[in-house]
Amino acid sequence: MFGYLVNEPKATMDDISLSIYWAIREKRTLNAIDRSKIGIKKFNNNTGHEIFYGYLGWVYREENNIDLAEAYINHGLKINPRNPLLLLNKGYLEAQKQNYIGALVNFKRTVSLNGDGEF
């Protein structure tokens, strides 16, 4: 169903984000990557589009492609340094690199920006 949704002209950023989230959860890496790139292309000039870079960073981090994950996460953070999804994944990335102080800093920033606990 999500495959059809992301290609609908009226699909919103939230629609595509939800489809990417479930693709990541279900370990459908290629779907998550493709849908993230659709989101970037479709919403490039919209506020909040940096989340699609966060999803790409998340996918590549879980695939242990640290360099590519870091590039996407850092690009997203240049757009919006206060995006909780990006900061959370930056924290996980720093932990994977065994930079535990950097991880802690990013986790604390995530919590301070995301008081409702979504991330």
C-alpha atoms as a PDB file:
ATOM      1  CA  MET A   1       0.000   0.000   0.000  1.00  0.00           C
ATOM      2  CA  PHE A   2       2.803   2.416   0.875  1.00  0.00           C
ATOM      3  CA  GLY A   3       4.398   1.779  -2.517  1.00  0.00           C
ATOM      4  CA  TYR A   4       1.344   3.228  -4.188  1.00  0.00           C
ATOM      5  CA  LEU A   5       0.959   6.041  -1.679  1.00  0.00           C
ATOM      6  CA  VAL A   6       4.399   7.570  -2.191  1.00  0.00           C
ATOM      7  CA  ASN A   7       3.761   7.900  -5.922  1.00  0.00           C
ATOM      8  CA  GLU A   8       0.424   9.659  -5.498  1.00  0.00           C
ATOM      9  CA  PRO A   9       0.592  13.337  -6.495  1.00  0.00           C
ATOM     10  CA  LYS A  10      -1.263  14.308  -3.307  1.00  0.00           C
ATOM     11  CA  ALA A  11       1.049  12.353  -0.977  1.00  0.00           C
ATOM     12  CA  THR A  12       2.183  14.568   1.895  1.00  0.00           C
ATOM     13  CA  MET A  13       5.509  14.672   3.707  1.00  0.00           C
ATOM     14  CA  ASP A  14       3.855  12.793   6.568  1.00  0.00           C
ATOM     15  CA  ASP A  15       2.578  10.099   4.197  1.00  0.00           C
ATOM     16  CA  ILE A  16       6.010   9.509   2.754  1.00  0.00           C
ATOM     17  CA  SER A  17       7.670   9.707   6.183  1.00  0.00           C
ATOM     18  CA  LEU A  18       5.335   7.036   7.519  1.00  0.00           C
ATOM     19  CA  SER A  19       6.072   4.773   4.566  1.00  0.00           C
ATOM     20  CA  ILE A  20       9.825   5.201   5.108  1.00  0.00           C
ATOM     21  CA  TYR A  21       9.527   4.533   8.826  1.00  0.00           C
ATOM     22  CA  TRP A  22       7.731   1.240   8.211  1.00  0.00           C
ATOM     23  CA  ALA A  23      10.168   0.244   5.484  1.00  0.00           C
ATOM     24  CA  ILE A  24      13.027   0.766   7.956  1.00  0.00           C
ATOM     25  CA  ARG A  25      11.204  -1.169  10.684  1.00  0.00           C
ATOM     26  CA  GLU A  26      10.542  -4.056   8.310  1.00  0.00           C
ATOM     27  CA  LYS A  27      14.186  -4.077   7.117  1.00  0.00           C
ATOM     28  CA  ARG A  28      13.183  -3.117   3.569  1.00  0.00           C
ATOM     29  CA  THR A  29      16.300  -1.078   3.026  1.00  0.00           C
ATOM     30  CA  LEU A  30      15.925  -0.436  -0.692  1.00  0.00           C
ATOM     31  CA  ASN A  31      12.318   0.724  -0.238  1.00  0.00           C
ATOM     32  CA  ALA A  32      13.375   3.093   2.539  1.00  0.00           C
ATOM     33  CA  ILE A  33      16.182   4.526   0.404  1.00  0.00           C
ATOM     34  CA  ASP A  34      13.979   4.937  -2.676  1.00  0.00           C
ATOM     35  CA  ARG A  35      11.165   6.558  -0.687  1.00  0.00           C
ATOM     36  CA  SER A  36      13.580   8.902   1.072  1.00  0.00           C
ATOM     37  CA  LYS A  37      14.916  10.057  -2.273  1.00  0.00           C
ATOM     38  CA  ILE A  38      11.350  10.579  -3.503  1.00  0.00           C
ATOM     39  CA  GLY A  39      10.715  12.714  -0.419  1.00  0.00           C
ATOM     40  CA  ILE A  40      13.846  14.781  -1.022  1.00  0.00           C
ATOM     41  CA  LYS A  41      12.936  15.352  -4.651  1.00  0.00           C
ATOM     42  CA  LYS A  42       9.267  16.122  -4.023  1.00  0.00           C
ATOM     43  CA  PHE A  43       9.645  18.335  -0.938  1.00  0.00           C
ATOM     44  CA  ASN A  44      13.123  19.827  -1.401  1.00  0.00           C
ATOM     45  CA  ASN A  45      11.955  23.397  -0.801  1.00  0.00           C
ATOM     46  CA  ASN A  46       9.534  22.633   2.036  1.00  0.00           C
ATOM     47  CA  THR A  47      10.157  23.248   5.696  1.00  0.00           C
ATOM     48  CA  GLY A  48      10.974  19.935   7.354  1.00  0.00           C
ATOM     49  CA  HIS A  49      12.347  18.189   4.270  1.00  0.00           C
ATOM     50  CA  GLU A  50      15.605  17.524   6.123  1.00  0.00           C
ATOM     51  CA  ILE A  51      13.897  14.555   7.765  1.00  0.00           C
ATOM     52  CA  PHE A  52      14.399  12.582   4.550  1.00  0.00           C
ATOM     53  CA  TYR A  53      18.166  12.979   4.946  1.00  0.00           C
ATOM     54  CA  GLY A  54      17.701  11.694   8.480  1.00  0.00           C
ATOM     55  CA  TYR A  55      15.968   8.586   7.195  1.00  0.00           C
ATOM     56  CA  LEU A  56      18.783   7.963   4.712  1.00  0.00           C
ATOM     57  CA  GLY A  57      21.307   8.381   7.515  1.00  0.00           C
ATOM     58  CA  TRP A  58      19.322   5.967   9.690  1.00  0.00           C
ATOM     59  CA  VAL A  59      19.204   3.312   6.955  1.00  0.00           C
ATOM     60  CA  TYR A  60      22.886   3.566   6.105  1.00  0.00           C
ATOM     61  CA  ARG A  61      23.841   3.603   9.797  1.00  0.00           C
ATOM     62  CA  GLU A  62      21.943   0.364  10.338  1.00  0.00           C
ATOM     63  CA  GLU A  63      23.699  -1.066   7.268  1.00  0.00           C
ATOM     64  CA  ASN A  64      27.034  -0.081   8.886  1.00  0.00           C
ATOM     65  CA  ASN A  65      27.868   2.300   6.053  1.00  0.00           C
ATOM     66  CA  ILE A  66      29.155   4.880   8.517  1.00  0.00           C
ATOM     67  CA  ASP A  67      30.592   7.314   5.957  1.00  0.00           C
ATOM     68  CA  LEU A  68      27.409   7.570   3.928  1.00  0.00           C
ATOM     69  CA  ALA A  69      25.243   7.696   7.058  1.00  0.00           C
ATOM     70  CA  GLU A  70      27.339  10.526   8.446  1.00  0.00           C
ATOM     71  CA  ALA A  71      27.194  12.456   5.160  1.00  0.00           C
ATOM     72  CA  TYR A  72      23.382  12.318   5.040  1.00  0.00           C
ATOM     73  CA  ILE A  73      22.923  13.110   8.727  1.00  0.00           C
ATOM     74  CA  ASN A  74      25.345  16.037   8.601  1.00  0.00           C
ATOM     75  CA  HIS A  75      23.670  17.387   5.469  1.00  0.00           C
ATOM     76  CA  GLY A  76      20.292  17.256   7.204  1.00  0.00           C
ATOM     77  CA  LEU A  77      21.718  18.958  10.287  1.00  0.00           C
ATOM     78  CA  LYS A  78      23.060  21.794   8.115  1.00  0.00           C
ATOM     79  CA  ILE A  79      19.490  22.384   6.968  1.00  0.00           C
ATOM     80  CA  ASN A  80      18.039  22.149  10.482  1.00  0.00           C
ATOM     81  CA  PRO A  81      20.387  21.602  13.439  1.00  0.00           C
ATOM     82  CA  ARG A  82      17.387  21.171  15.751  1.00  0.00           C
ATOM     83  CA  ASN A  83      15.718  18.187  14.080  1.00  0.00           C
ATOM     84  CA  PRO A  84      15.279  15.478  16.759  1.00  0.00           C
ATOM     85  CA  LEU A  85      15.366  12.535  14.314  1.00  0.00           C
ATOM     86  CA  LEU A  86      18.669  13.735  12.898  1.00  0.00           C
ATOM     87  CA  LEU A  87      20.136  14.372  16.345  1.00  0.00           C
ATOM     88  CA  LEU A  88      19.039  10.968  17.600  1.00  0.00           C
ATOM     89  CA  ASN A  89      20.649   9.223  14.652  1.00  0.00           C
ATOM     90  CA  LYS A  90      23.766  11.372  15.049  1.00  0.00           C
ATOM     91  CA  GLY A  91      23.936  10.108  18.624  1.00  0.00           C
ATOM     92  CA  TYR A  92      23.647   6.481  17.524  1.00  0.00           C
ATOM     93  CA  LEU A  93      26.237   7.109  14.832  1.00  0.00           C
ATOM     94  CA  GLU A  94      28.677   8.605  17.333  1.00  0.00           C
ATOM     95  CA  ALA A  95      28.145   5.596  19.608  1.00  0.00           C
ATOM     96  CA  GLN A  96      28.929   3.253  16.697  1.00  0.00           C
ATOM     97  CA  LYS A  97      32.141   5.211  16.170  1.00  0.00           C
ATOM     98  CA  GLN A  98      32.840   4.792  19.914  1.00  0.00           C
ATOM     99  CA  ASN A  99      32.655   8.548  20.461  1.00  0.00           C
ATOM    100  CA  TYR A 100      30.526   8.207  23.564  1.00  0.00           C
ATOM    101  CA  ILE A 101      30.778  11.836  24.637  1.00  0.00           C
ATOM    102  CA  GLY A 102      29.539  12.951  21.197  1.00  0.00           C
ATOM    103  CA  ALA A 103      26.768  10.367  21.422  1.00  0.00           C
ATOM    104  CA  LEU A 104      25.691  11.628  24.842  1.00  0.00           C
ATOM    105  CA  VAL A 105      25.669  15.249  23.669  1.00  0.00           C
ATOM    106  CA  ASN A 106      23.410  14.379  20.736  1.00  0.00           C
ATOM    107  CA  PHE A 107      21.106  12.218  22.863  1.00  0.00           C
ATOM    108  CA  LYS A 108      20.729  15.059  25.383  1.00  0.00           C
ATOM    109  CA  ARG A 109      19.974  17.523  22.591  1.00  0.00           C
ATOM    110  CA  THR A 110      17.344  15.122  21.246  1.00  0.00           C
ATOM    111  CA  VAL A 111      15.651  14.896  24.635  1.00  0.00           C
ATOM    112  CA  SER A 112      15.766  18.650  25.196  1.00  0.00           C
ATOM    113  CA  LEU A 113      14.132  19.318  21.818  1.00  0.00           C
ATOM    114  CA  ASN A 114      11.721  16.419  21.956  1.00  0.00           C
ATOM    115  CA  GLY A 115      10.121  16.649  25.365  1.00  0.00           C
ATOM    116  CA  ASP A 116       7.086  14.582  24.373  1.00  0.00           C
ATOM    117  CA  GLY A 117       9.327  11.549  23.869  1.00  0.00           C
ATOM    118  CA  GLU A 118       8.453  10.785  20.246  1.00  0.00           C
ATOM    119  CA  PHE A 119      12.078   9.914  19.551  1.00  0.00           C
END
